[in-house]
Amino acid sequence: MPGSANLNIMLKAARKAGRSLVKDFREVENLQVSMKGAGDFVSKADLAAQAILKEELLGARPTYGWLAEEEKEIDGQDPTRRWIVDPLDGTTNFLHGLPHWAISIALEHKGQVVAGVIYDAAKDEMFFAEKGEGAWMNDQRIRVSGRSRMIESLFATGLPFAGRTDLPAVLQDLARLSPVCAGVRRWGAAALDMAYVAAGRYEGFWERRLNAWDIAAGVVIMREAGGFVEAIDPEGDILSEGEVICANANLFEQFAKIIRND
């Protein structure tokens, strides 16, 4: 199992923030029945988890940069390295008492993601990878699935919500993909969608209009699990453009052709 000093710092930080979120998640389930609702409480839980991650990661590596969902970017003294962090991916699930959300931590070095951790604290599933060291879930090595027929394959995506303008494009994707596959899932946490493709639970995943912190850790975990990951625009950059398509090696070309409408 990989175990560099940086990866160990990431795993420890994820576990610590995970304990805080699990405690708050139990409270959310109680708050669901109140008229006041749980929104403010969840944003506090999110910020508390981010504070833990910041303290652990920047405390251990104070010269690294910092890019995270809930605050402005910090340029580190070391311009070649930065942490890319989402303290709670799947906030809406968390808010509704659905146990499908994750902490996502990536380490970027010279523009490349070199280590990633995605922690599903509710189920205690820790997905992680370091460049060149393979991908893991807890103490098990993980690989993308070996399926090669679209009709037997399961895919995942996110659906635009709250009036976002990209809904027509996604509906067209679904119209092309659904008739030729075994199903499409929409579970509301992009980091876990990528981890699930890496673990062979889905055959592929695609989504547009994401943020770097939603997908950075998933990129290295996917690649180390033997999967293919690209931007939907083949010339594009995954992190800066916030769009991704990934799948096992057998299906990537067929799947990408459908999503890109080539």
C-alpha atoms as a PDB file:
ATOM      1  CA  MET A   1       0.000   0.000   0.000  1.00  0.00           C
ATOM      2  CA  PRO A   2       1.324   3.498  -0.804  1.00  0.00           C
ATOM      3  CA  GLY A   3       2.302   5.459   2.261  1.00  0.00           C
ATOM      4  CA  SER A   4       4.348   8.593   1.604  1.00  0.00           C
ATOM      5  CA  ALA A   5       4.445  11.236   4.330  1.00  0.00           C
ATOM      6  CA  ASN A   6       2.107  13.482   2.325  1.00  0.00           C
ATOM      7  CA  LEU A   7      -0.440  10.722   1.774  1.00  0.00           C
ATOM      8  CA  ASN A   8      -0.418   9.858   5.478  1.00  0.00           C
ATOM      9  CA  ILE A   9      -1.085  13.527   6.309  1.00  0.00           C
ATOM     10  CA  MET A  10      -4.041  13.482   3.879  1.00  0.00           C
ATOM     11  CA  LEU A  11      -5.506  10.254   5.296  1.00  0.00           C
ATOM     12  CA  LYS A  12      -5.221  11.505   8.878  1.00  0.00           C
ATOM     13  CA  ALA A  13      -6.846  14.842   7.978  1.00  0.00           C
ATOM     14  CA  ALA A  14      -9.719  13.086   6.166  1.00  0.00           C
ATOM     15  CA  ARG A  15     -10.405  10.799   9.141  1.00  0.00           C
ATOM     16  CA  LYS A  16     -10.388  13.686  11.606  1.00  0.00           C
ATOM     17  CA  ALA A  17     -12.751  15.822   9.500  1.00  0.00           C
ATOM     18  CA  GLY A  18     -14.867  12.696   8.841  1.00  0.00           C
ATOM     19  CA  ARG A  19     -15.436  12.143  12.568  1.00  0.00           C
ATOM     20  CA  SER A  20     -16.654  15.735  12.912  1.00  0.00           C
ATOM     21  CA  LEU A  21     -19.024  15.393   9.928  1.00  0.00           C
ATOM     22  CA  VAL A  22     -20.447  12.028  11.047  1.00  0.00           C
ATOM     23  CA  LYS A  23     -21.288  13.564  14.439  1.00  0.00           C
ATOM     24  CA  ASP A  24     -22.995  16.506  12.720  1.00  0.00           C
ATOM     25  CA  PHE A  25     -24.751  14.172  10.256  1.00  0.00           C
ATOM     26  CA  ARG A  26     -26.512  12.421  13.149  1.00  0.00           C
ATOM     27  CA  GLU A  27     -27.771  15.815  14.282  1.00  0.00           C
ATOM     28  CA  VAL A  28     -29.030  16.665  10.781  1.00  0.00           C
ATOM     29  CA  GLU A  29     -31.207  13.569  10.810  1.00  0.00           C
ATOM     30  CA  ASN A  30     -32.857  14.931  13.973  1.00  0.00           C
ATOM     31  CA  LEU A  31     -33.175  18.442  12.517  1.00  0.00           C
ATOM     32  CA  GLN A  32     -35.000  17.169   9.422  1.00  0.00           C
ATOM     33  CA  VAL A  33     -38.303  17.087  11.315  1.00  0.00           C
ATOM     34  CA  SER A  34     -38.027  20.666  12.628  1.00  0.00           C
ATOM     35  CA  MET A  35     -39.701  23.593  10.855  1.00  0.00           C
ATOM     36  CA  LYS A  36     -36.484  25.623  11.027  1.00  0.00           C
ATOM     37  CA  GLY A  37     -34.705  23.229   8.661  1.00  0.00           C
ATOM     38  CA  ALA A  38     -31.099  22.145   8.666  1.00  0.00           C
ATOM     39  CA  GLY A  39     -29.492  24.485   6.112  1.00  0.00           C
ATOM     40  CA  ASP A  40     -27.616  26.785   8.518  1.00  0.00           C
ATOM     41  CA  PHE A  41     -26.500  23.839  10.596  1.00  0.00           C
ATOM     42  CA  VAL A  42     -25.066  22.056   7.543  1.00  0.00           C
ATOM     43  CA  SER A  43     -23.123  25.107   6.385  1.00  0.00           C
ATOM     44  CA  LYS A  44     -21.603  25.256   9.900  1.00  0.00           C
ATOM     45  CA  ALA A  45     -20.726  21.529   9.691  1.00  0.00           C
ATOM     46  CA  ASP A  46     -19.100  22.149   6.290  1.00  0.00           C
ATOM     47  CA  LEU A  47     -17.025  25.072   7.616  1.00  0.00           C
ATOM     48  CA  ALA A  48     -16.024  23.129  10.741  1.00  0.00           C
ATOM     49  CA  ALA A  49     -14.761  20.245   8.567  1.00  0.00           C
ATOM     50  CA  GLN A  50     -12.862  22.692   6.362  1.00  0.00           C
ATOM     51  CA  ALA A  51     -11.211  24.292   9.432  1.00  0.00           C
ATOM     52  CA  ILE A  52     -10.021  20.832  10.583  1.00  0.00           C
ATOM     53  CA  LEU A  53      -8.634  20.018   7.124  1.00  0.00           C
ATOM     54  CA  LYS A  54      -6.875  23.368   6.857  1.00  0.00           C
ATOM     55  CA  GLU A  55      -5.311  23.006  10.289  1.00  0.00           C
ATOM     56  CA  GLU A  56      -4.105  19.454   9.557  1.00  0.00           C
ATOM     57  CA  LEU A  57      -2.892  19.992   5.982  1.00  0.00           C
ATOM     58  CA  LEU A  58      -1.396  23.480   6.206  1.00  0.00           C
ATOM     59  CA  GLY A  59      -0.208  22.754   9.750  1.00  0.00           C
ATOM     60  CA  ALA A  60       1.870  19.879   8.367  1.00  0.00           C
ATOM     61  CA  ARG A  61       2.855  21.628   5.106  1.00  0.00           C
ATOM     62  CA  PRO A  62       2.659  25.391   5.749  1.00  0.00           C
ATOM     63  CA  THR A  63       4.418  26.348   2.485  1.00  0.00           C
ATOM     64  CA  TYR A  64       1.853  24.676   0.193  1.00  0.00           C
ATOM     65  CA  GLY A  65      -0.912  26.584  -1.571  1.00  0.00           C
ATOM     66  CA  TRP A  66      -4.594  26.074  -0.727  1.00  0.00           C
ATOM     67  CA  LEU A  67      -7.668  25.894  -2.966  1.00  0.00           C
ATOM     68  CA  ALA A  68     -10.942  24.993  -1.250  1.00  0.00           C
ATOM     69  CA  GLU A  69     -14.656  25.488  -1.733  1.00  0.00           C
ATOM     70  CA  GLU A  70     -15.501  27.732   1.181  1.00  0.00           C
ATOM     71  CA  GLU A  71     -12.766  30.401   1.012  1.00  0.00           C
ATOM     72  CA  LYS A  72     -10.442  32.272  -1.278  1.00  0.00           C
ATOM     73  CA  GLU A  73      -7.326  30.665  -2.685  1.00  0.00           C
ATOM     74  CA  ILE A  74      -4.020  30.968  -0.806  1.00  0.00           C
ATOM     75  CA  ASP A  75      -0.755  31.107  -2.756  1.00  0.00           C
ATOM     76  CA  GLY A  76       1.860  29.111  -0.895  1.00  0.00           C
ATOM     77  CA  GLN A  77       5.535  30.002  -0.497  1.00  0.00           C
ATOM     78  CA  ASP A  78       6.124  26.829  -2.520  1.00  0.00           C
ATOM     79  CA  PRO A  79       4.482  27.727  -5.860  1.00  0.00           C
ATOM     80  CA  THR A  80       4.762  24.162  -7.171  1.00  0.00           C
ATOM     81  CA  ARG A  81       2.473  22.483  -4.637  1.00  0.00           C
ATOM     82  CA  ARG A  82      -1.082  23.067  -3.451  1.00  0.00           C
ATOM     83  CA  TRP A  83      -3.832  21.295  -1.582  1.00  0.00           C
ATOM     84  CA  ILE A  84      -7.193  21.144  -3.434  1.00  0.00           C
ATOM     85  CA  VAL A  85      -9.939  20.422  -0.920  1.00  0.00           C
ATOM     86  CA  ASP A  86     -13.702  19.892  -0.771  1.00  0.00           C
ATOM     87  CA  PRO A  87     -14.699  19.448   2.883  1.00  0.00           C
ATOM     88  CA  LEU A  88     -18.174  18.163   1.979  1.00  0.00           C
ATOM     89  CA  ASP A  89     -19.005  16.950  -1.522  1.00  0.00           C
ATOM     90  CA  GLY A  90     -22.689  16.035  -1.608  1.00  0.00           C
ATOM     91  CA  THR A  91     -23.937  18.813   0.696  1.00  0.00           C
ATOM     92  CA  THR A  92     -27.548  18.416  -0.483  1.00  0.00           C
ATOM     93  CA  ASN A  93     -27.472  14.699   0.388  1.00  0.00           C
ATOM     94  CA  PHE A  94     -26.042  15.563   3.812  1.00  0.00           C
ATOM     95  CA  LEU A  95     -28.773  18.166   4.331  1.00  0.00           C
ATOM     96  CA  HIS A  96     -31.466  15.584   3.527  1.00  0.00           C
ATOM     97  CA  GLY A  97     -30.048  12.905   5.797  1.00  0.00           C
ATOM     98  CA  LEU A  98     -28.824  10.789   2.847  1.00  0.00           C
ATOM     99  CA  PRO A  99     -25.593   8.955   3.768  1.00  0.00           C
ATOM    100  CA  HIS A 100     -23.844   9.607   0.446  1.00  0.00           C
ATOM    101  CA  TRP A 101     -21.284  12.418   0.763  1.00  0.00           C
ATOM    102  CA  ALA A 102     -17.517  12.648   0.997  1.00  0.00           C
ATOM    103  CA  ILE A 103     -14.419  14.618   1.901  1.00  0.00           C
ATOM    104  CA  SER A 104     -12.091  15.116  -1.064  1.00  0.00           C
ATOM    105  CA  ILE A 105      -8.389  16.061  -0.771  1.00  0.00           C
ATOM    106  CA  ALA A 106      -5.916  16.289  -3.643  1.00  0.00           C
ATOM    107  CA  LEU A 107      -2.262  17.265  -3.756  1.00  0.00           C
ATOM    108  CA  GLU A 108      -1.151  19.024  -6.919  1.00  0.00           C
ATOM    109  CA  HIS A 109       2.532  19.286  -7.890  1.00  0.00           C
ATOM    110  CA  LYS A 110       3.589  21.380 -10.885  1.00  0.00           C
ATOM    111  CA  GLY A 111       0.054  21.317 -12.307  1.00  0.00           C
ATOM    112  CA  GLN A 112      -0.389  17.530 -11.944  1.00  0.00           C
ATOM    113  CA  VAL A 113      -2.486  15.829  -9.267  1.00  0.00           C
ATOM    114  CA  VAL A 114      -0.048  13.416  -7.592  1.00  0.00           C
ATOM    115  CA  ALA A 115      -2.156  12.132  -4.672  1.00  0.00           C
ATOM    116  CA  GLY A 116      -5.856  11.961  -3.884  1.00  0.00           C
ATOM    117  CA  VAL A 117      -8.108  10.912  -1.014  1.00  0.00           C
ATOM    118  CA  ILE A 118     -11.925  10.605  -1.164  1.00  0.00           C
ATOM    119  CA  TYR A 119     -13.413   9.616   2.194  1.00  0.00           C
ATOM    120  CA  ASP A 120     -17.007   8.427   2.495  1.00  0.00           C
ATOM    121  CA  ALA A 121     -17.153   8.803   6.273  1.00  0.00           C
ATOM    122  CA  ALA A 122     -20.763   7.603   6.629  1.00  0.00           C
ATOM    123  CA  LYS A 123     -19.779   4.181   5.221  1.00  0.00           C
ATOM    124  CA  ASP A 124     -16.113   4.354   6.350  1.00  0.00           C
ATOM    125  CA  GLU A 125     -14.831   3.842   2.803  1.00  0.00           C
ATOM    126  CA  MET A 126     -11.492   5.559   2.182  1.00  0.00           C
ATOM    127  CA  PHE A 127     -10.519   5.708  -1.507  1.00  0.00           C
ATOM    128  CA  PHE A 128      -6.961   6.889  -2.151  1.00  0.00           C
ATOM    129  CA  ALA A 129      -4.087   6.833  -4.617  1.00  0.00           C
ATOM    130  CA  GLU A 130      -0.632   8.193  -5.231  1.00  0.00           C
ATOM    131  CA  LYS A 131       0.868   8.562  -8.681  1.00  0.00           C
ATOM    132  CA  GLY A 132       2.572   5.297  -9.660  1.00  0.00           C
ATOM    133  CA  GLU A 133       1.373   3.390  -6.560  1.00  0.00           C
ATOM    134  CA  GLY A 134      -2.054   2.040  -7.578  1.00  0.00           C
ATOM    135  CA  ALA A 135      -5.484   2.843  -6.138  1.00  0.00           C
ATOM    136  CA  TRP A 136      -6.972   1.559  -2.897  1.00  0.00           C
ATOM    137  CA  MET A 137     -10.194   1.405  -0.887  1.00  0.00           C
ATOM    138  CA  ASN A 138      -9.295   0.924   2.782  1.00  0.00           C
ATOM    139  CA  ASP A 139      -6.763  -1.926   2.605  1.00  0.00           C
ATOM    140  CA  GLN A 140      -7.977  -3.403  -0.700  1.00  0.00           C
ATOM    141  CA  ARG A 141      -6.439  -2.650  -4.086  1.00  0.00           C
ATOM    142  CA  ILE A 142      -9.105  -1.383  -6.507  1.00  0.00           C
ATOM    143  CA  ARG A 143      -9.363  -1.483 -10.291  1.00  0.00           C
ATOM    144  CA  VAL A 144     -11.848  -0.307 -12.879  1.00  0.00           C
ATOM    145  CA  SER A 145     -14.284  -2.970 -14.060  1.00  0.00           C
ATOM    146  CA  GLY A 146     -13.458  -5.292 -16.941  1.00  0.00           C
ATOM    147  CA  ARG A 147     -16.823  -4.921 -18.707  1.00  0.00           C
ATOM    148  CA  SER A 148     -16.590  -4.200 -22.410  1.00  0.00           C
ATOM    149  CA  ARG A 149     -20.238  -4.194 -23.565  1.00  0.00           C
ATOM    150  CA  MET A 150     -22.176  -0.943 -23.249  1.00  0.00           C
ATOM    151  CA  ILE A 151     -25.472  -2.776 -22.717  1.00  0.00           C
ATOM    152  CA  GLU A 152     -24.079  -4.403 -19.531  1.00  0.00           C
ATOM    153  CA  SER A 153     -22.566  -1.175 -18.225  1.00  0.00           C
ATOM    154  CA  LEU A 154     -23.679   1.304 -15.575  1.00  0.00           C
ATOM    155  CA  PHE A 155     -22.858   5.021 -15.829  1.00  0.00           C
ATOM    156  CA  ALA A 156     -23.179   8.021 -13.520  1.00  0.00           C
ATOM    157  CA  THR A 157     -23.598  11.758 -13.967  1.00  0.00           C
ATOM    158  CA  GLY A 158     -24.947  14.852 -12.250  1.00  0.00           C
ATOM    159  CA  LEU A 159     -28.121  16.608 -13.359  1.00  0.00           C
ATOM    160  CA  PRO A 160     -28.182  20.433 -13.406  1.00  0.00           C
ATOM    161  CA  PHE A 161     -30.488  21.897 -10.743  1.00  0.00           C
ATOM    162  CA  ALA A 162     -31.967  25.240  -9.672  1.00  0.00           C
ATOM    163  CA  GLY A 163     -32.333  26.723 -13.144  1.00  0.00           C
ATOM    164  CA  ARG A 164     -28.848  25.980 -14.472  1.00  0.00           C
ATOM    165  CA  THR A 165     -28.626  26.496 -18.237  1.00  0.00           C
ATOM    166  CA  ASP A 166     -26.842  23.233 -19.087  1.00  0.00           C
ATOM    167  CA  LEU A 167     -29.899  21.015 -18.530  1.00  0.00           C
ATOM    168  CA  PRO A 168     -30.743  20.620 -22.274  1.00  0.00           C
ATOM    169  CA  ALA A 169     -27.209  19.352 -23.042  1.00  0.00           C
ATOM    170  CA  VAL A 170     -27.397  16.736 -20.269  1.00  0.00           C
ATOM    171  CA  LEU A 171     -30.864  15.598 -21.349  1.00  0.00           C
ATOM    172  CA  GLN A 172     -29.481  15.081 -24.866  1.00  0.00           C
ATOM    173  CA  ASP A 173     -26.578  13.059 -23.391  1.00  0.00           C
ATOM    174  CA  LEU A 174     -29.101  10.877 -21.550  1.00  0.00           C
ATOM    175  CA  ALA A 175     -31.225  10.431 -24.684  1.00  0.00           C
ATOM    176  CA  ARG A 176     -28.172   9.064 -26.546  1.00  0.00           C
ATOM    177  CA  LEU A 177     -26.726   7.002 -23.690  1.00  0.00           C
ATOM    178  CA  SER A 178     -29.741   5.478 -21.903  1.00  0.00           C
ATOM    179  CA  PRO A 179     -30.926   3.223 -24.777  1.00  0.00           C
ATOM    180  CA  VAL A 180     -27.517   1.549 -25.139  1.00  0.00           C
ATOM    181  CA  CYS A 181     -26.505   0.913 -21.490  1.00  0.00           C
ATOM    182  CA  ALA A 182     -27.700  -0.901 -18.348  1.00  0.00           C
ATOM    183  CA  GLY A 183     -28.585   2.318 -16.530  1.00  0.00           C
ATOM    184  CA  VAL A 184     -27.549   5.812 -15.463  1.00  0.00           C
ATOM    185  CA  ARG A 185     -27.281   6.838 -11.804  1.00  0.00           C
ATOM    186  CA  ARG A 186     -27.378  10.322 -10.312  1.00  0.00           C
ATOM    187  CA  TRP A 187     -26.286  10.143  -6.675  1.00  0.00           C
ATOM    188  CA  GLY A 188     -25.250  13.736  -6.081  1.00  0.00           C
ATOM    189  CA  ALA A 189     -21.553  13.528  -5.160  1.00  0.00           C
ATOM    190  CA  ALA A 190     -19.105  13.817  -8.075  1.00  0.00           C
ATOM    191  CA  ALA A 191     -16.081  12.739  -5.992  1.00  0.00           C
ATOM    192  CA  LEU A 192     -17.803   9.474  -5.059  1.00  0.00           C
ATOM    193  CA  ASP A 193     -18.935   8.929  -8.656  1.00  0.00           C
ATOM    194  CA  MET A 194     -15.272   8.960  -9.722  1.00  0.00           C
ATOM    195  CA  ALA A 195     -14.234   6.753  -6.803  1.00  0.00           C
ATOM    196  CA  TYR A 196     -16.978   4.274  -7.756  1.00  0.00           C
ATOM    197  CA  VAL A 197     -15.736   4.074 -11.363  1.00  0.00           C
ATOM    198  CA  ALA A 198     -12.226   3.443  -9.996  1.00  0.00           C
ATOM    199  CA  ALA A 199     -13.597   0.655  -7.789  1.00  0.00           C
ATOM    200  CA  GLY A 200     -15.494  -1.000 -10.685  1.00  0.00           C
ATOM    201  CA  ARG A 201     -18.950  -0.145  -9.307  1.00  0.00           C
ATOM    202  CA  TYR A 202     -19.773   2.004 -12.334  1.00  0.00           C
ATOM    203  CA  GLU A 203     -18.215   1.687 -15.786  1.00  0.00           C
ATOM    204  CA  GLY A 204     -18.066   5.434 -16.427  1.00  0.00           C
ATOM    205  CA  PHE A 205     -18.966   8.949 -15.278  1.00  0.00           C
ATOM    206  CA  TRP A 206     -19.302  12.342 -16.944  1.00  0.00           C
ATOM    207  CA  GLU A 207     -20.289  15.812 -15.795  1.00  0.00           C
ATOM    208  CA  ARG A 208     -19.904  19.460 -16.821  1.00  0.00           C
ATOM    209  CA  ARG A 209     -19.633  22.643 -14.767  1.00  0.00           C
ATOM    210  CA  LEU A 210     -17.864  21.169 -11.771  1.00  0.00           C
ATOM    211  CA  ASN A 211     -15.135  22.805  -9.685  1.00  0.00           C
ATOM    212  CA  ALA A 212     -11.515  21.679  -9.384  1.00  0.00           C
ATOM    213  CA  TRP A 213     -12.121  20.501  -5.793  1.00  0.00           C
ATOM    214  CA  ASP A 214     -14.972  18.195  -6.905  1.00  0.00           C
ATOM    215  CA  ILE A 215     -12.777  16.181  -9.267  1.00  0.00           C
ATOM    216  CA  ALA A 216      -9.061  16.638  -8.510  1.00  0.00           C
ATOM    217  CA  ALA A 217      -8.705  13.661  -6.139  1.00  0.00           C
ATOM    218  CA  GLY A 218     -10.831  11.501  -8.443  1.00  0.00           C
ATOM    219  CA  VAL A 219      -8.499  12.103 -11.399  1.00  0.00           C
ATOM    220  CA  VAL A 220      -5.469  10.431  -9.795  1.00  0.00           C
ATOM    221  CA  ILE A 221      -7.553   7.658  -8.165  1.00  0.00           C
ATOM    222  CA  MET A 222      -9.168   6.847 -11.533  1.00  0.00           C
ATOM    223  CA  ARG A 223      -5.859   6.767 -13.411  1.00  0.00           C
ATOM    224  CA  GLU A 224      -4.168   4.628 -10.767  1.00  0.00           C
ATOM    225  CA  ALA A 225      -7.118   2.189 -10.945  1.00  0.00           C
ATOM    226  CA  GLY A 226      -6.456   1.734 -14.681  1.00  0.00           C
ATOM    227  CA  GLY A 227      -9.161   4.070 -15.977  1.00  0.00           C
ATOM    228  CA  PHE A 228      -9.101   6.770 -18.635  1.00  0.00           C
ATOM    229  CA  VAL A 229      -9.911  10.370 -17.637  1.00  0.00           C
ATOM    230  CA  GLU A 230     -10.220  13.363 -19.963  1.00  0.00           C
ATOM    231  CA  ALA A 231     -12.080  16.657 -20.268  1.00  0.00           C
ATOM    232  CA  ILE A 232     -15.290  16.303 -22.310  1.00  0.00           C
ATOM    233  CA  ASP A 233     -13.678  18.655 -24.835  1.00  0.00           C
ATOM    234  CA  PRO A 234     -10.665  16.490 -25.793  1.00  0.00           C
ATOM    235  CA  GLU A 235      -8.481  19.621 -26.030  1.00  0.00           C
ATOM    236  CA  GLY A 236      -9.688  20.966 -22.665  1.00  0.00           C
ATOM    237  CA  ASP A 237      -8.195  20.948 -19.177  1.00  0.00           C
ATOM    238  CA  ILE A 238     -10.159  18.954 -16.598  1.00  0.00           C
ATOM    239  CA  LEU A 239      -9.495  21.098 -13.522  1.00  0.00           C
ATOM    240  CA  SER A 240      -9.631  24.594 -14.993  1.00  0.00           C
ATOM    241  CA  GLU A 241     -12.711  23.845 -17.120  1.00  0.00           C
ATOM    242  CA  GLY A 242     -14.459  21.714 -14.492  1.00  0.00           C
ATOM    243  CA  GLU A 243     -15.661  18.986 -16.835  1.00  0.00           C
ATOM    244  CA  VAL A 244     -14.764  15.342 -16.895  1.00  0.00           C
ATOM    245  CA  ILE A 245     -15.423  12.056 -18.622  1.00  0.00           C
ATOM    246  CA  CYS A 246     -13.938   8.841 -17.302  1.00  0.00           C
ATOM    247  CA  ALA A 247     -14.413   5.120 -17.867  1.00  0.00           C
ATOM    248  CA  ASN A 248     -12.639   1.791 -17.924  1.00  0.00           C
ATOM    249  CA  ALA A 249     -10.185   1.324 -20.803  1.00  0.00           C
ATOM    250  CA  ASN A 250     -12.463  -1.091 -22.717  1.00  0.00           C
ATOM    251  CA  LEU A 251     -15.387   1.320 -22.918  1.00  0.00           C
ATOM    252  CA  PHE A 252     -13.851   4.786 -22.848  1.00  0.00           C
ATOM    253  CA  GLU A 253     -13.851   5.312 -26.602  1.00  0.00           C
ATOM    254  CA  GLN A 254     -17.449   4.146 -27.155  1.00  0.00           C
ATOM    255  CA  PHE A 255     -18.708   6.071 -24.129  1.00  0.00           C
ATOM    256  CA  ALA A 256     -16.816   9.265 -25.017  1.00  0.00           C
ATOM    257  CA  LYS A 257     -18.160   9.137 -28.595  1.00  0.00           C
ATOM    258  CA  ILE A 258     -21.733   9.125 -27.251  1.00  0.00           C
ATOM    259  CA  ILE A 259     -21.192  11.968 -24.749  1.00  0.00           C
ATOM    260  CA  ARG A 260     -19.171  14.078 -27.189  1.00  0.00           C
ATOM    261  CA  ASN A 261     -21.762  13.335 -29.871  1.00  0.00           C
ATOM    262  CA  ASP A 262     -18.988  12.609 -32.391  1.00  0.00           C
END
